Amino acid sequence: MRQIVAVFLILWLMPSEAFESTFSCPIGKRAACLDYGDKVCNSFAKCVSDDAVCFDAYTCGFGGFVCKSKLDDVVSEYDDLARTCRSVAYDHDELAAKYNNLLTELEATRNRLDSVRRCIARATSLEAARMCR
């Protein structure tokens, strides 16, 4: 039991650098201590936040990157306008269908009216005119 306590005390009293000295990097690389939220980027890359969104080539203008968070309002407005446009197009299609149905009914009504007029014009008696429909 005394040996275990002695080993524990020795390990506890040892400087922490003894454990850190076993850390090694590949040739040509440097070790670094990072804090929470720090980023590691190679020398040819730009560092961006964890929630950044990648865009296709030529998405950005001369002003640089446009973050998605700045586009959220524009995207939301676009979605609203697209929804409104689809609704208006649907209403237009319904109205066009009703208009075409009314034209068909109008043509049928005109044909029936012409038929009744011809029938009445050919009728030789009041009873024959009443039979026209």
N, C-alpha and C. Protein backbone atom coordinates (compact mmCIF):
# COMPACT_ATOMS: atom_id res chain seq x y z
N MET A 1 0.83 -1.19 0.00
CA MET A 1 0.00 0.00 0.00
C MET A 1 0.87 1.25 0.00
N ARG A 2 1.97 1.21 0.77
CA ARG A 2 2.87 2.38 0.83
C ARG A 2 3.50 2.64 -0.54
N GLN A 3 3.76 1.57 -1.26
CA GLN A 3 4.37 1.73 -2.58
C GLN A 3 3.41 2.43 -3.55
N ILE A 4 2.14 2.09 -3.47
CA ILE A 4 1.13 2.71 -4.35
C ILE A 4 1.00 4.19 -4.03
N VAL A 5 0.96 4.53 -2.75
CA VAL A 5 0.87 5.93 -2.35
C VAL A 5 2.11 6.69 -2.79
N ALA A 6 3.28 6.06 -2.66
CA ALA A 6 4.53 6.71 -3.07
C ALA A 6 4.54 6.96 -4.57
N VAL A 7 4.10 5.99 -5.37
CA VAL A 7 4.06 6.15 -6.83
C VAL A 7 3.07 7.27 -7.19
N PHE A 8 1.94 7.27 -6.51
CA PHE A 8 0.95 8.30 -6.76
C PHE A 8 1.49 9.69 -6.46
N LEU A 9 2.18 9.85 -5.34
CA LEU A 9 2.76 11.14 -4.97
C LEU A 9 3.83 11.58 -5.96
N ILE A 10 4.63 10.63 -6.42
CA ILE A 10 5.67 10.98 -7.39
C ILE A 10 5.04 11.46 -8.69
N LEU A 11 4.04 10.74 -9.15
CA LEU A 11 3.37 11.15 -10.39
C LEU A 11 2.66 12.49 -10.23
N TRP A 12 2.09 12.70 -9.06
CA TRP A 12 1.36 13.95 -8.83
C TRP A 12 2.31 15.13 -8.75
N LEU A 13 3.47 14.93 -8.18
CA LEU A 13 4.43 16.02 -8.02
C LEU A 13 5.27 16.27 -9.26
N MET A 14 5.26 15.35 -10.21
CA MET A 14 6.04 15.54 -11.43
C MET A 14 5.48 16.73 -12.20
N PRO A 15 6.32 17.53 -12.80
CA PRO A 15 5.83 18.64 -13.61
C PRO A 15 5.07 18.11 -14.82
N SER A 16 4.07 18.86 -15.22
CA SER A 16 3.23 18.43 -16.34
C SER A 16 4.00 18.42 -17.65
N GLU A 17 5.12 19.13 -17.75
CA GLU A 17 5.90 19.14 -18.97
C GLU A 17 6.43 17.76 -19.30
N ALA A 18 6.61 16.93 -18.31
CA ALA A 18 7.12 15.59 -18.56
C ALA A 18 6.15 14.80 -19.43
N PHE A 19 4.85 14.99 -19.21
CA PHE A 19 3.87 14.30 -20.03
C PHE A 19 3.74 14.95 -21.40
N GLU A 20 3.88 16.26 -21.48
CA GLU A 20 3.75 16.96 -22.74
C GLU A 20 4.93 16.73 -23.66
N SER A 21 6.06 16.36 -23.11
CA SER A 21 7.25 16.19 -23.93
C SER A 21 7.13 14.98 -24.85
N THR A 22 6.18 14.10 -24.63
CA THR A 22 6.01 12.94 -25.50
C THR A 22 5.26 13.31 -26.78
N PHE A 23 4.70 14.52 -26.86
CA PHE A 23 3.98 14.96 -28.05
C PHE A 23 4.97 15.28 -29.15
N SER A 24 4.69 14.80 -30.37
CA SER A 24 5.59 15.09 -31.49
C SER A 24 4.79 15.41 -32.73
N CYS A 25 5.41 16.12 -33.64
CA CYS A 25 4.77 16.50 -34.90
C CYS A 25 5.55 15.88 -36.05
N PRO A 26 4.90 15.69 -37.19
CA PRO A 26 5.63 15.22 -38.36
C PRO A 26 6.69 16.24 -38.77
N ILE A 27 7.66 15.82 -39.54
CA ILE A 27 8.74 16.71 -39.99
C ILE A 27 8.15 17.86 -40.79
N GLY A 28 8.57 19.06 -40.49
CA GLY A 28 8.10 20.25 -41.19
C GLY A 28 6.85 20.87 -40.59
N LYS A 29 6.34 20.31 -39.53
CA LYS A 29 5.13 20.84 -38.89
C LYS A 29 5.48 21.37 -37.52
N ARG A 30 4.66 22.32 -37.01
CA ARG A 30 4.87 22.90 -35.68
C ARG A 30 3.70 22.57 -34.79
N ALA A 31 3.96 22.35 -33.55
CA ALA A 31 2.90 22.12 -32.57
C ALA A 31 2.35 23.47 -32.12
N ALA A 32 1.10 23.50 -31.76
CA ALA A 32 0.48 24.73 -31.28
C ALA A 32 -0.56 24.40 -30.23
N CYS A 33 -0.72 25.29 -29.28
CA CYS A 33 -1.77 25.13 -28.28
C CYS A 33 -2.95 25.97 -28.74
N LEU A 34 -4.11 25.35 -28.79
CA LEU A 34 -5.31 26.03 -29.26
C LEU A 34 -6.26 26.26 -28.11
N ASP A 35 -6.94 27.38 -28.17
CA ASP A 35 -7.98 27.68 -27.20
C ASP A 35 -9.32 27.29 -27.82
N TYR A 36 -10.36 27.23 -27.01
CA TYR A 36 -11.69 26.90 -27.51
C TYR A 36 -12.11 27.88 -28.60
N GLY A 37 -12.55 27.36 -29.72
CA GLY A 37 -13.00 28.20 -30.82
C GLY A 37 -11.90 28.58 -31.79
N ASP A 38 -10.63 28.26 -31.48
CA ASP A 38 -9.53 28.55 -32.41
C ASP A 38 -9.65 27.67 -33.64
N LYS A 39 -9.11 28.15 -34.73
CA LYS A 39 -9.16 27.43 -35.99
C LYS A 39 -7.73 27.13 -36.45
N VAL A 40 -7.58 26.03 -37.14
CA VAL A 40 -6.29 25.69 -37.73
C VAL A 40 -6.48 25.69 -39.23
N CYS A 41 -5.67 26.50 -39.92
CA CYS A 41 -5.77 26.60 -41.37
C CYS A 41 -4.37 26.47 -41.95
N ASN A 42 -4.28 25.82 -43.12
CA ASN A 42 -2.96 25.75 -43.73
C ASN A 42 -2.63 27.11 -44.36
N SER A 43 -1.42 27.26 -44.81
CA SER A 43 -0.98 28.58 -45.28
C SER A 43 -1.64 28.99 -46.58
N PHE A 44 -2.30 28.07 -47.29
CA PHE A 44 -2.94 28.41 -48.56
C PHE A 44 -4.44 28.59 -48.42
N ALA A 45 -4.98 28.48 -47.22
CA ALA A 45 -6.43 28.53 -47.03
C ALA A 45 -6.84 29.76 -46.25
N LYS A 46 -8.08 30.13 -46.43
CA LYS A 46 -8.68 31.17 -45.59
C LYS A 46 -9.45 30.46 -44.50
N CYS A 47 -9.38 30.97 -43.29
CA CYS A 47 -10.11 30.37 -42.18
C CYS A 47 -11.49 31.01 -42.09
N VAL A 48 -12.49 30.19 -41.92
CA VAL A 48 -13.85 30.67 -41.77
C VAL A 48 -14.46 29.99 -40.56
N SER A 49 -15.59 30.49 -40.11
CA SER A 49 -16.24 29.92 -38.93
C SER A 49 -16.82 28.54 -39.25
N ASP A 50 -17.17 27.80 -38.19
CA ASP A 50 -17.68 26.45 -38.34
C ASP A 50 -19.01 26.41 -39.10
N ASP A 51 -19.83 27.45 -38.98
CA ASP A 51 -21.13 27.44 -39.63
C ASP A 51 -21.13 28.15 -40.98
N ALA A 52 -19.96 28.35 -41.55
CA ALA A 52 -19.87 29.02 -42.85
C ALA A 52 -20.42 28.11 -43.93
N VAL A 53 -20.92 28.71 -45.01
CA VAL A 53 -21.48 27.98 -46.13
C VAL A 53 -20.62 28.21 -47.35
N CYS A 54 -20.30 27.15 -48.07
CA CYS A 54 -19.50 27.28 -49.29
C CYS A 54 -20.42 27.56 -50.47
N PHE A 55 -20.00 28.45 -51.34
CA PHE A 55 -20.76 28.80 -52.52
C PHE A 55 -20.03 28.31 -53.76
N ASP A 56 -20.74 28.22 -54.87
CA ASP A 56 -20.11 27.86 -56.13
C ASP A 56 -19.16 28.96 -56.57
N ALA A 57 -18.31 28.63 -57.52
CA ALA A 57 -17.38 29.62 -58.06
C ALA A 57 -18.16 30.78 -58.66
N TYR A 58 -17.62 31.95 -58.60
CA TYR A 58 -18.20 33.18 -59.16
C TYR A 58 -19.48 33.61 -58.46
N THR A 59 -19.74 33.08 -57.27
CA THR A 59 -20.90 33.51 -56.49
C THR A 59 -20.68 34.91 -55.93
N CYS A 60 -19.44 35.17 -55.57
CA CYS A 60 -19.13 36.44 -54.92
C CYS A 60 -18.71 37.49 -55.93
N GLY A 61 -19.06 38.71 -55.64
CA GLY A 61 -18.64 39.81 -56.48
C GLY A 61 -17.28 40.33 -56.03
N PHE A 62 -16.97 41.54 -56.39
CA PHE A 62 -15.68 42.11 -56.02
C PHE A 62 -15.60 42.42 -54.54
N GLY A 63 -16.73 42.44 -53.85
CA GLY A 63 -16.74 42.76 -52.42
C GLY A 63 -16.32 41.61 -51.54
N GLY A 64 -16.10 40.42 -52.08
CA GLY A 64 -15.68 39.28 -51.28
C GLY A 64 -16.84 38.36 -50.99
N PHE A 65 -16.65 37.50 -49.99
CA PHE A 65 -17.67 36.51 -49.65
C PHE A 65 -18.94 37.17 -49.14
N VAL A 66 -20.05 36.55 -49.45
CA VAL A 66 -21.34 36.94 -48.88
C VAL A 66 -21.75 35.80 -47.98
N CYS A 67 -21.85 36.05 -46.70
CA CYS A 67 -22.21 34.99 -45.75
C CYS A 67 -23.68 34.63 -45.90
N LYS A 68 -24.00 33.35 -45.71
CA LYS A 68 -25.38 32.89 -45.84
C LYS A 68 -26.29 33.63 -44.88
N SER A 69 -25.80 33.92 -43.69
CA SER A 69 -26.66 34.59 -42.71
C SER A 69 -27.13 35.94 -43.22
N LYS A 70 -26.33 36.60 -44.06
CA LYS A 70 -26.75 37.87 -44.62
C LYS A 70 -27.74 37.67 -45.75
N LEU A 71 -27.80 36.46 -46.31
CA LEU A 71 -28.73 36.18 -47.39
C LEU A 71 -30.04 35.58 -46.92
N ASP A 72 -30.12 35.22 -45.64
CA ASP A 72 -31.32 34.56 -45.14
C ASP A 72 -32.57 35.40 -45.39
N ASP A 73 -32.51 36.70 -45.14
CA ASP A 73 -33.67 37.57 -45.37
C ASP A 73 -34.03 37.61 -46.85
N VAL A 74 -33.02 37.68 -47.71
CA VAL A 74 -33.26 37.72 -49.15
C VAL A 74 -33.88 36.40 -49.61
N VAL A 75 -33.36 35.29 -49.10
CA VAL A 75 -33.89 33.98 -49.47
C VAL A 75 -35.34 33.86 -49.00
N SER A 76 -35.60 34.31 -47.79
CA SER A 76 -36.97 34.25 -47.26
C SER A 76 -37.91 35.10 -48.10
N GLU A 77 -37.48 36.30 -48.45
CA GLU A 77 -38.30 37.18 -49.29
C GLU A 77 -38.52 36.56 -50.67
N TYR A 78 -37.48 35.96 -51.23
CA TYR A 78 -37.60 35.29 -52.53
C TYR A 78 -38.61 34.14 -52.44
N ASP A 79 -38.52 33.34 -51.38
CA ASP A 79 -39.46 32.23 -51.21
C ASP A 79 -40.89 32.73 -51.10
N ASP A 80 -41.10 33.83 -50.37
CA ASP A 80 -42.44 34.42 -50.26
C ASP A 80 -42.95 34.88 -51.63
N LEU A 81 -42.08 35.56 -52.38
CA LEU A 81 -42.47 36.03 -53.72
C LEU A 81 -42.74 34.86 -54.66
N ALA A 82 -41.93 33.82 -54.58
CA ALA A 82 -42.14 32.64 -55.43
C ALA A 82 -43.46 31.97 -55.08
N ARG A 83 -43.77 31.89 -53.78
CA ARG A 83 -45.04 31.31 -53.34
C ARG A 83 -46.21 32.14 -53.86
N THR A 84 -46.09 33.46 -53.76
CA THR A 84 -47.14 34.35 -54.26
C THR A 84 -47.30 34.20 -55.76
N CYS A 85 -46.18 34.11 -56.47
CA CYS A 85 -46.22 33.94 -57.92
C CYS A 85 -46.93 32.64 -58.30
N ARG A 86 -46.59 31.56 -57.60
CA ARG A 86 -47.26 30.28 -57.89
C ARG A 86 -48.75 30.37 -57.60
N SER A 87 -49.12 31.08 -56.54
CA SER A 87 -50.53 31.24 -56.20
C SER A 87 -51.26 32.04 -57.27
N VAL A 88 -50.63 33.11 -57.74
CA VAL A 88 -51.24 33.93 -58.80
C VAL A 88 -51.36 33.12 -60.09
N ALA A 89 -50.34 32.32 -60.40
CA ALA A 89 -50.39 31.49 -61.61
C ALA A 89 -51.51 30.45 -61.49
N TYR A 90 -51.67 29.86 -60.30
CA TYR A 90 -52.74 28.90 -60.08
C TYR A 90 -54.10 29.57 -60.25
N ASP A 91 -54.27 30.77 -59.65
CA ASP A 91 -55.52 31.52 -59.80
C ASP A 91 -55.78 31.85 -61.26
N HIS A 92 -54.74 32.24 -61.99
CA HIS A 92 -54.89 32.55 -63.42
C HIS A 92 -55.37 31.32 -64.18
N ASP A 93 -54.76 30.17 -63.89
CA ASP A 93 -55.16 28.94 -64.59
C ASP A 93 -56.61 28.59 -64.29
N GLU A 94 -57.03 28.75 -63.03
CA GLU A 94 -58.42 28.48 -62.68
C GLU A 94 -59.37 29.44 -63.40
N LEU A 95 -59.02 30.73 -63.41
CA LEU A 95 -59.86 31.72 -64.10
C LEU A 95 -59.91 31.47 -65.60
N ALA A 96 -58.79 31.08 -66.19
CA ALA A 96 -58.77 30.79 -67.62
C ALA A 96 -59.67 29.59 -67.93
N ALA A 97 -59.63 28.56 -67.08
CA ALA A 97 -60.49 27.40 -67.27
C ALA A 97 -61.96 27.78 -67.15
N LYS A 98 -62.30 28.61 -66.14
CA LYS A 98 -63.69 29.07 -65.99
C LYS A 98 -64.11 29.89 -67.21
N TYR A 99 -63.24 30.77 -67.69
CA TYR A 99 -63.52 31.59 -68.87
C TYR A 99 -63.80 30.70 -70.08
N ASN A 100 -62.97 29.68 -70.28
CA ASN A 100 -63.18 28.78 -71.41
C ASN A 100 -64.48 28.01 -71.27
N ASN A 101 -64.83 27.59 -70.05
CA ASN A 101 -66.11 26.91 -69.82
C ASN A 101 -67.28 27.84 -70.12
N LEU A 102 -67.16 29.10 -69.70
CA LEU A 102 -68.23 30.08 -69.98
C LEU A 102 -68.37 30.32 -71.47
N LEU A 103 -67.27 30.38 -72.20
CA LEU A 103 -67.34 30.53 -73.66
C LEU A 103 -68.06 29.35 -74.30
N THR A 104 -67.77 28.16 -73.81
CA THR A 104 -68.43 26.97 -74.34
C THR A 104 -69.92 27.01 -74.04
N GLU A 105 -70.29 27.40 -72.81
CA GLU A 105 -71.71 27.53 -72.45
C GLU A 105 -72.39 28.60 -73.29
N LEU A 106 -71.71 29.73 -73.51
CA LEU A 106 -72.27 30.82 -74.31
C LEU A 106 -72.55 30.34 -75.74
N GLU A 107 -71.62 29.63 -76.32
CA GLU A 107 -71.80 29.11 -77.67
C GLU A 107 -72.98 28.14 -77.73
N ALA A 108 -73.08 27.27 -76.72
CA ALA A 108 -74.19 26.31 -76.68
C ALA A 108 -75.53 27.05 -76.52
N THR A 109 -75.56 28.09 -75.67
CA THR A 109 -76.79 28.87 -75.46
C THR A 109 -77.18 29.60 -76.74
N ARG A 110 -76.22 30.18 -77.45
CA ARG A 110 -76.51 30.87 -78.72
C ARG A 110 -77.07 29.88 -79.75
N ASN A 111 -76.51 28.68 -79.79
CA ASN A 111 -76.99 27.67 -80.73
C ASN A 111 -78.43 27.27 -80.40
N ARG A 112 -78.72 27.08 -79.08
CA ARG A 112 -80.11 26.76 -78.69
C ARG A 112 -81.06 27.89 -79.04
N LEU A 113 -80.65 29.15 -78.80
CA LEU A 113 -81.48 30.31 -79.12
C LEU A 113 -81.75 30.38 -80.62
N ASP A 114 -80.72 30.18 -81.44
CA ASP A 114 -80.92 30.19 -82.90
C ASP A 114 -81.86 29.08 -83.32
N SER A 115 -81.73 27.93 -82.68
CA SER A 115 -82.60 26.80 -83.02
C SER A 115 -84.06 27.10 -82.66
N VAL A 116 -84.28 27.72 -81.47
CA VAL A 116 -85.64 28.08 -81.06
C VAL A 116 -86.21 29.15 -81.99
N ARG A 117 -85.42 30.12 -82.39
CA ARG A 117 -85.88 31.18 -83.31
C ARG A 117 -86.30 30.58 -84.65
N ARG A 118 -85.48 29.67 -85.17
CA ARG A 118 -85.82 29.04 -86.46
C ARG A 118 -87.12 28.23 -86.33
N CYS A 119 -87.24 27.53 -85.18
CA CYS A 119 -88.44 26.74 -84.95
C CYS A 119 -89.69 27.62 -84.91
N ILE A 120 -89.57 28.74 -84.19
CA ILE A 120 -90.72 29.66 -84.08
C ILE A 120 -91.03 30.27 -85.44
N ALA A 121 -89.99 30.62 -86.19
CA ALA A 121 -90.21 31.23 -87.50
C ALA A 121 -90.91 30.25 -88.44
N ARG A 122 -90.68 28.96 -88.31
CA ARG A 122 -91.31 27.96 -89.19
C ARG A 122 -92.67 27.49 -88.67
N ALA A 123 -92.99 27.84 -87.43
CA ALA A 123 -94.25 27.35 -86.83
C ALA A 123 -95.44 27.93 -87.59
N THR A 124 -96.45 27.09 -87.78
CA THR A 124 -97.65 27.54 -88.50
C THR A 124 -98.81 27.79 -87.57
N SER A 125 -98.64 27.40 -86.27
CA SER A 125 -99.69 27.67 -85.30
C SER A 125 -99.07 28.01 -83.95
N LEU A 126 -99.94 28.52 -83.08
CA LEU A 126 -99.50 28.84 -81.72
C LEU A 126 -99.04 27.59 -80.99
N GLU A 127 -99.73 26.48 -81.20
CA GLU A 127 -99.36 25.20 -80.57
C GLU A 127 -97.99 24.74 -81.07
N ALA A 128 -97.71 24.91 -82.32
CA ALA A 128 -96.42 24.48 -82.89
C ALA A 128 -95.30 25.37 -82.33
N ALA A 129 -95.56 26.69 -82.12
CA ALA A 129 -94.57 27.61 -81.57
C ALA A 129 -94.27 27.25 -80.11
N ARG A 130 -95.30 26.81 -79.36
CA ARG A 130 -95.09 26.41 -77.97
C ARG A 130 -94.25 25.15 -77.85
N MET A 131 -94.26 24.34 -78.84
CA MET A 131 -93.50 23.09 -78.81
C MET A 131 -92.00 23.33 -79.05
N CYS A 132 -91.62 24.52 -79.51
CA CYS A 132 -90.20 24.82 -79.77
C CYS A 132 -89.45 24.99 -78.46
N ARG A 133 -88.37 24.31 -78.35
CA ARG A 133 -87.54 24.41 -77.13
C ARG A 133 -86.09 24.29 -77.46
